[in-house]
Amino acid sequence: MSSEVFPSSAALRQIVPLAEKREALLKKVDDLDRQIAELSVSARAVAATTEAQPIRKASGRRKLAEPVPVEDKKDTSAKILGLLKVAGSKGLSIREIASKLGMKAQNVHVWFSFKGRKLADLQKIGQAQWSLKA
């Protein structure tokens, strides 16, 4: 056999340490790959918890609603009483009054509960139905 096919013993002595060094480096590369994989898994877990609980930006103080002027409150009473006067003895329902005045029905109902009950001229003629006394 020729020496070209098989390396000489001197060449083998040089190859063996290089092969061992190569195996050690490959082992280090595998360890580094494993560490990178662990970090990417923990980074995904951190990202998932961050997405689940978004950080809210402080919006500062909220502006309070401006109070309605007293004239407008008195005007509401006059408008409701005016509508009931026009309706006559038949009266109007709270929904009808609210739609004609452009108000919420709940607000009209509250007006009748607090303000309307104190007025002697008003009478309840049915469920959510009011009229002025004749």
C-alpha atoms as a PDB file:
ATOM      1  CA  MET A   1       0.000   0.000   0.000  1.00  0.00           C
ATOM      2  CA  SER A   2       1.115   3.434  -0.730  1.00  0.00           C
ATOM      3  CA  SER A   3       1.700   6.128   1.825  1.00  0.00           C
ATOM      4  CA  GLU A   4      -0.688   8.447   0.003  1.00  0.00           C
ATOM      5  CA  VAL A   5      -3.733   6.502   1.205  1.00  0.00           C
ATOM      6  CA  PHE A   6      -2.752   6.302   4.855  1.00  0.00           C
ATOM      7  CA  PRO A   7      -1.055   9.187   6.616  1.00  0.00           C
ATOM      8  CA  SER A   8       2.254   8.643   8.278  1.00  0.00           C
ATOM      9  CA  SER A   9       2.588   8.265  12.027  1.00  0.00           C
ATOM     10  CA  ALA A  10       3.992  11.788  12.280  1.00  0.00           C
ATOM     11  CA  ALA A  11       0.954  13.146  10.450  1.00  0.00           C
ATOM     12  CA  LEU A  12      -1.347  11.124  12.720  1.00  0.00           C
ATOM     13  CA  ARG A  13       0.326  12.646  15.763  1.00  0.00           C
ATOM     14  CA  GLN A  14      -0.516  16.089  14.383  1.00  0.00           C
ATOM     15  CA  ILE A  15      -4.073  15.147  13.353  1.00  0.00           C
ATOM     16  CA  VAL A  16      -5.144  13.626  16.710  1.00  0.00           C
ATOM     17  CA  PRO A  17      -4.739  16.824  18.794  1.00  0.00           C
ATOM     18  CA  LEU A  18      -6.425  18.841  16.066  1.00  0.00           C
ATOM     19  CA  ALA A  19      -9.372  16.417  15.975  1.00  0.00           C
ATOM     20  CA  GLU A  20      -9.661  16.579  19.778  1.00  0.00           C
ATOM     21  CA  LYS A  21      -9.544  20.360  19.625  1.00  0.00           C
ATOM     22  CA  ARG A  22     -12.243  20.281  16.932  1.00  0.00           C
ATOM     23  CA  GLU A  23     -14.483  18.052  19.091  1.00  0.00           C
ATOM     24  CA  ALA A  24     -14.021  20.372  22.075  1.00  0.00           C
ATOM     25  CA  LEU A  25     -14.952  23.379  19.943  1.00  0.00           C
ATOM     26  CA  LEU A  26     -18.034  21.590  18.562  1.00  0.00           C
ATOM     27  CA  LYS A  27     -19.087  20.791  22.124  1.00  0.00           C
ATOM     28  CA  LYS A  28     -18.710  24.490  23.046  1.00  0.00           C
ATOM     29  CA  VAL A  29     -20.785  25.455  20.001  1.00  0.00           C
ATOM     30  CA  ASP A  30     -23.529  23.014  21.076  1.00  0.00           C
ATOM     31  CA  ASP A  31     -23.478  24.499  24.598  1.00  0.00           C
ATOM     32  CA  LEU A  32     -23.748  28.013  23.173  1.00  0.00           C
ATOM     33  CA  ASP A  33     -26.670  26.965  20.945  1.00  0.00           C
ATOM     34  CA  ARG A  34     -28.458  25.483  23.971  1.00  0.00           C
ATOM     35  CA  GLN A  35     -27.930  28.688  25.990  1.00  0.00           C
ATOM     36  CA  ILE A  36     -29.233  30.806  23.117  1.00  0.00           C
ATOM     37  CA  ALA A  37     -32.313  28.592  22.842  1.00  0.00           C
ATOM     38  CA  GLU A  38     -32.973  28.938  26.588  1.00  0.00           C
ATOM     39  CA  LEU A  39     -32.635  32.711  26.384  1.00  0.00           C
ATOM     40  CA  SER A  40     -34.991  32.952  23.427  1.00  0.00           C
ATOM     41  CA  VAL A  41     -37.595  30.852  25.278  1.00  0.00           C
ATOM     42  CA  SER A  42     -37.356  33.072  28.357  1.00  0.00           C
ATOM     43  CA  ALA A  43     -37.440  36.179  26.149  1.00  0.00           C
ATOM     44  CA  ARG A  44     -40.662  34.912  24.544  1.00  0.00           C
ATOM     45  CA  ALA A  45     -42.126  34.290  27.999  1.00  0.00           C
ATOM     46  CA  VAL A  46     -41.231  37.827  29.073  1.00  0.00           C
ATOM     47  CA  ALA A  47     -42.715  39.221  25.870  1.00  0.00           C
ATOM     48  CA  ALA A  48     -45.905  37.218  26.420  1.00  0.00           C
ATOM     49  CA  THR A  49     -46.343  38.561  29.946  1.00  0.00           C
ATOM     50  CA  THR A  50     -45.608  42.082  28.751  1.00  0.00           C
ATOM     51  CA  GLU A  51     -48.251  41.788  26.031  1.00  0.00           C
ATOM     52  CA  ALA A  52     -50.785  40.358  28.464  1.00  0.00           C
ATOM     53  CA  GLN A  53     -50.375  43.308  30.813  1.00  0.00           C
ATOM     54  CA  PRO A  54     -49.867  46.464  28.763  1.00  0.00           C
ATOM     55  CA  ILE A  55     -48.465  49.466  30.528  1.00  0.00           C
ATOM     56  CA  ARG A  56     -51.036  52.221  30.764  1.00  0.00           C
ATOM     57  CA  LYS A  57     -49.994  55.722  30.024  1.00  0.00           C
ATOM     58  CA  ALA A  58     -50.995  58.220  32.668  1.00  0.00           C
ATOM     59  CA  SER A  59     -53.574  60.511  31.187  1.00  0.00           C
ATOM     60  CA  GLY A  60     -53.380  63.200  33.815  1.00  0.00           C
ATOM     61  CA  ARG A  61     -56.337  64.712  35.564  1.00  0.00           C
ATOM     62  CA  ARG A  62     -59.733  64.280  34.028  1.00  0.00           C
ATOM     63  CA  LYS A  63     -61.728  67.378  33.345  1.00  0.00           C
ATOM     64  CA  LEU A  64     -64.921  67.590  35.304  1.00  0.00           C
ATOM     65  CA  ALA A  65     -68.118  68.316  33.458  1.00  0.00           C
ATOM     66  CA  GLU A  66     -69.093  71.920  33.639  1.00  0.00           C
ATOM     67  CA  PRO A  67     -72.152  72.482  35.809  1.00  0.00           C
ATOM     68  CA  VAL A  68     -75.344  73.377  34.007  1.00  0.00           C
ATOM     69  CA  PRO A  69     -76.296  77.015  34.610  1.00  0.00           C
ATOM     70  CA  VAL A  70     -79.306  77.601  36.861  1.00  0.00           C
ATOM     71  CA  GLU A  71     -81.168  79.368  34.048  1.00  0.00           C
ATOM     72  CA  ASP A  72     -81.074  76.187  31.937  1.00  0.00           C
ATOM     73  CA  LYS A  73     -82.456  74.130  34.816  1.00  0.00           C
ATOM     74  CA  LYS A  74     -85.359  76.511  35.240  1.00  0.00           C
ATOM     75  CA  ASP A  75     -85.817  76.486  31.505  1.00  0.00           C
ATOM     76  CA  THR A  76     -86.205  72.683  31.559  1.00  0.00           C
ATOM     77  CA  SER A  77     -89.027  72.971  34.067  1.00  0.00           C
ATOM     78  CA  ALA A  78     -90.727  75.606  31.943  1.00  0.00           C
ATOM     79  CA  LYS A  79     -90.352  73.483  28.811  1.00  0.00           C
ATOM     80  CA  ILE A  80     -91.809  70.365  30.443  1.00  0.00           C
ATOM     81  CA  LEU A  81     -94.711  72.290  31.947  1.00  0.00           C
ATOM     82  CA  GLY A  82     -95.324  74.011  28.593  1.00  0.00           C
ATOM     83  CA  LEU A  83     -95.498  70.664  26.782  1.00  0.00           C
ATOM     84  CA  LEU A  84     -97.926  69.289  29.364  1.00  0.00           C
ATOM     85  CA  LYS A  85    -100.094  72.405  29.063  1.00  0.00           C
ATOM     86  CA  VAL A  86    -100.310  71.982  25.286  1.00  0.00           C
ATOM     87  CA  ALA A  87    -101.094  68.254  25.646  1.00  0.00           C
ATOM     88  CA  GLY A  88    -104.081  68.984  27.874  1.00  0.00           C
ATOM     89  CA  SER A  89    -105.838  66.345  29.964  1.00  0.00           C
ATOM     90  CA  LYS A  90    -104.484  63.523  27.794  1.00  0.00           C
ATOM     91  CA  GLY A  91    -100.980  64.253  29.070  1.00  0.00           C
ATOM     92  CA  LEU A  92     -97.679  62.977  27.745  1.00  0.00           C
ATOM     93  CA  SER A  93     -95.445  60.047  28.490  1.00  0.00           C
ATOM     94  CA  ILE A  94     -91.908  60.530  29.692  1.00  0.00           C
ATOM     95  CA  ARG A  95     -90.560  59.209  26.391  1.00  0.00           C
ATOM     96  CA  GLU A  96     -92.639  61.673  24.402  1.00  0.00           C
ATOM     97  CA  ILE A  97     -91.447  64.578  26.537  1.00  0.00           C
ATOM     98  CA  ALA A  98     -87.829  63.428  26.260  1.00  0.00           C
ATOM     99  CA  SER A  99     -87.985  63.105  22.485  1.00  0.00           C
ATOM    100  CA  LYS A 100     -89.604  66.533  22.070  1.00  0.00           C
ATOM    101  CA  LEU A 101     -87.030  68.214  24.315  1.00  0.00           C
ATOM    102  CA  GLY A 102     -84.048  66.237  23.021  1.00  0.00           C
ATOM    103  CA  MET A 103     -83.285  64.865  26.476  1.00  0.00           C
ATOM    104  CA  LYS A 104     -82.690  61.397  27.837  1.00  0.00           C
ATOM    105  CA  ALA A 105     -85.839  59.724  29.115  1.00  0.00           C
ATOM    106  CA  GLN A 106     -84.002  58.896  32.321  1.00  0.00           C
ATOM    107  CA  ASN A 107     -83.316  62.584  32.978  1.00  0.00           C
ATOM    108  CA  VAL A 108     -86.980  63.479  32.421  1.00  0.00           C
ATOM    109  CA  HIS A 109     -88.006  60.683  34.771  1.00  0.00           C
ATOM    110  CA  VAL A 110     -85.662  62.031  37.442  1.00  0.00           C
ATOM    111  CA  TRP A 111     -87.118  65.506  36.943  1.00  0.00           C
ATOM    112  CA  PHE A 112     -90.612  64.145  37.629  1.00  0.00           C
ATOM    113  CA  SER A 113     -89.382  62.151  40.624  1.00  0.00           C
ATOM    114  CA  PHE A 114     -87.783  65.113  42.360  1.00  0.00           C
ATOM    115  CA  LYS A 115     -89.155  68.345  40.959  1.00  0.00           C
ATOM    116  CA  GLY A 116     -92.486  67.243  39.511  1.00  0.00           C
ATOM    117  CA  ARG A 117     -93.750  65.604  42.701  1.00  0.00           C
ATOM    118  CA  LYS A 118     -93.459  68.941  44.504  1.00  0.00           C
ATOM    119  CA  LEU A 119     -95.694  70.749  42.021  1.00  0.00           C
ATOM    120  CA  ALA A 120     -99.389  70.665  42.908  1.00  0.00           C
ATOM    121  CA  ASP A 121    -100.434  71.208  39.273  1.00  0.00           C
ATOM    122  CA  LEU A 122     -99.010  67.864  38.094  1.00  0.00           C
ATOM    123  CA  GLN A 123    -100.777  64.558  38.337  1.00  0.00           C
ATOM    124  CA  LYS A 124     -99.722  61.097  37.310  1.00  0.00           C
ATOM    125  CA  ILE A 125    -102.388  59.572  35.080  1.00  0.00           C
ATOM    126  CA  GLY A 126    -100.707  56.285  34.230  1.00  0.00           C
ATOM    127  CA  GLN A 127     -97.423  54.478  34.080  1.00  0.00           C
ATOM    128  CA  ALA A 128     -94.866  57.120  33.026  1.00  0.00           C
ATOM    129  CA  GLN A 129     -97.800  59.316  31.942  1.00  0.00           C
ATOM    130  CA  TRP A 130     -98.236  62.829  33.352  1.00  0.00           C
ATOM    131  CA  SER A 131    -100.624  65.722  32.810  1.00  0.00           C
ATOM    132  CA  LEU A 132    -101.489  69.088  34.317  1.00  0.00           C
ATOM    133  CA  LYS A 133    -104.557  69.285  36.536  1.00  0.00           C
ATOM    134  CA  ALA A 134    -107.437  70.975  34.791  1.00  0.00           C
END
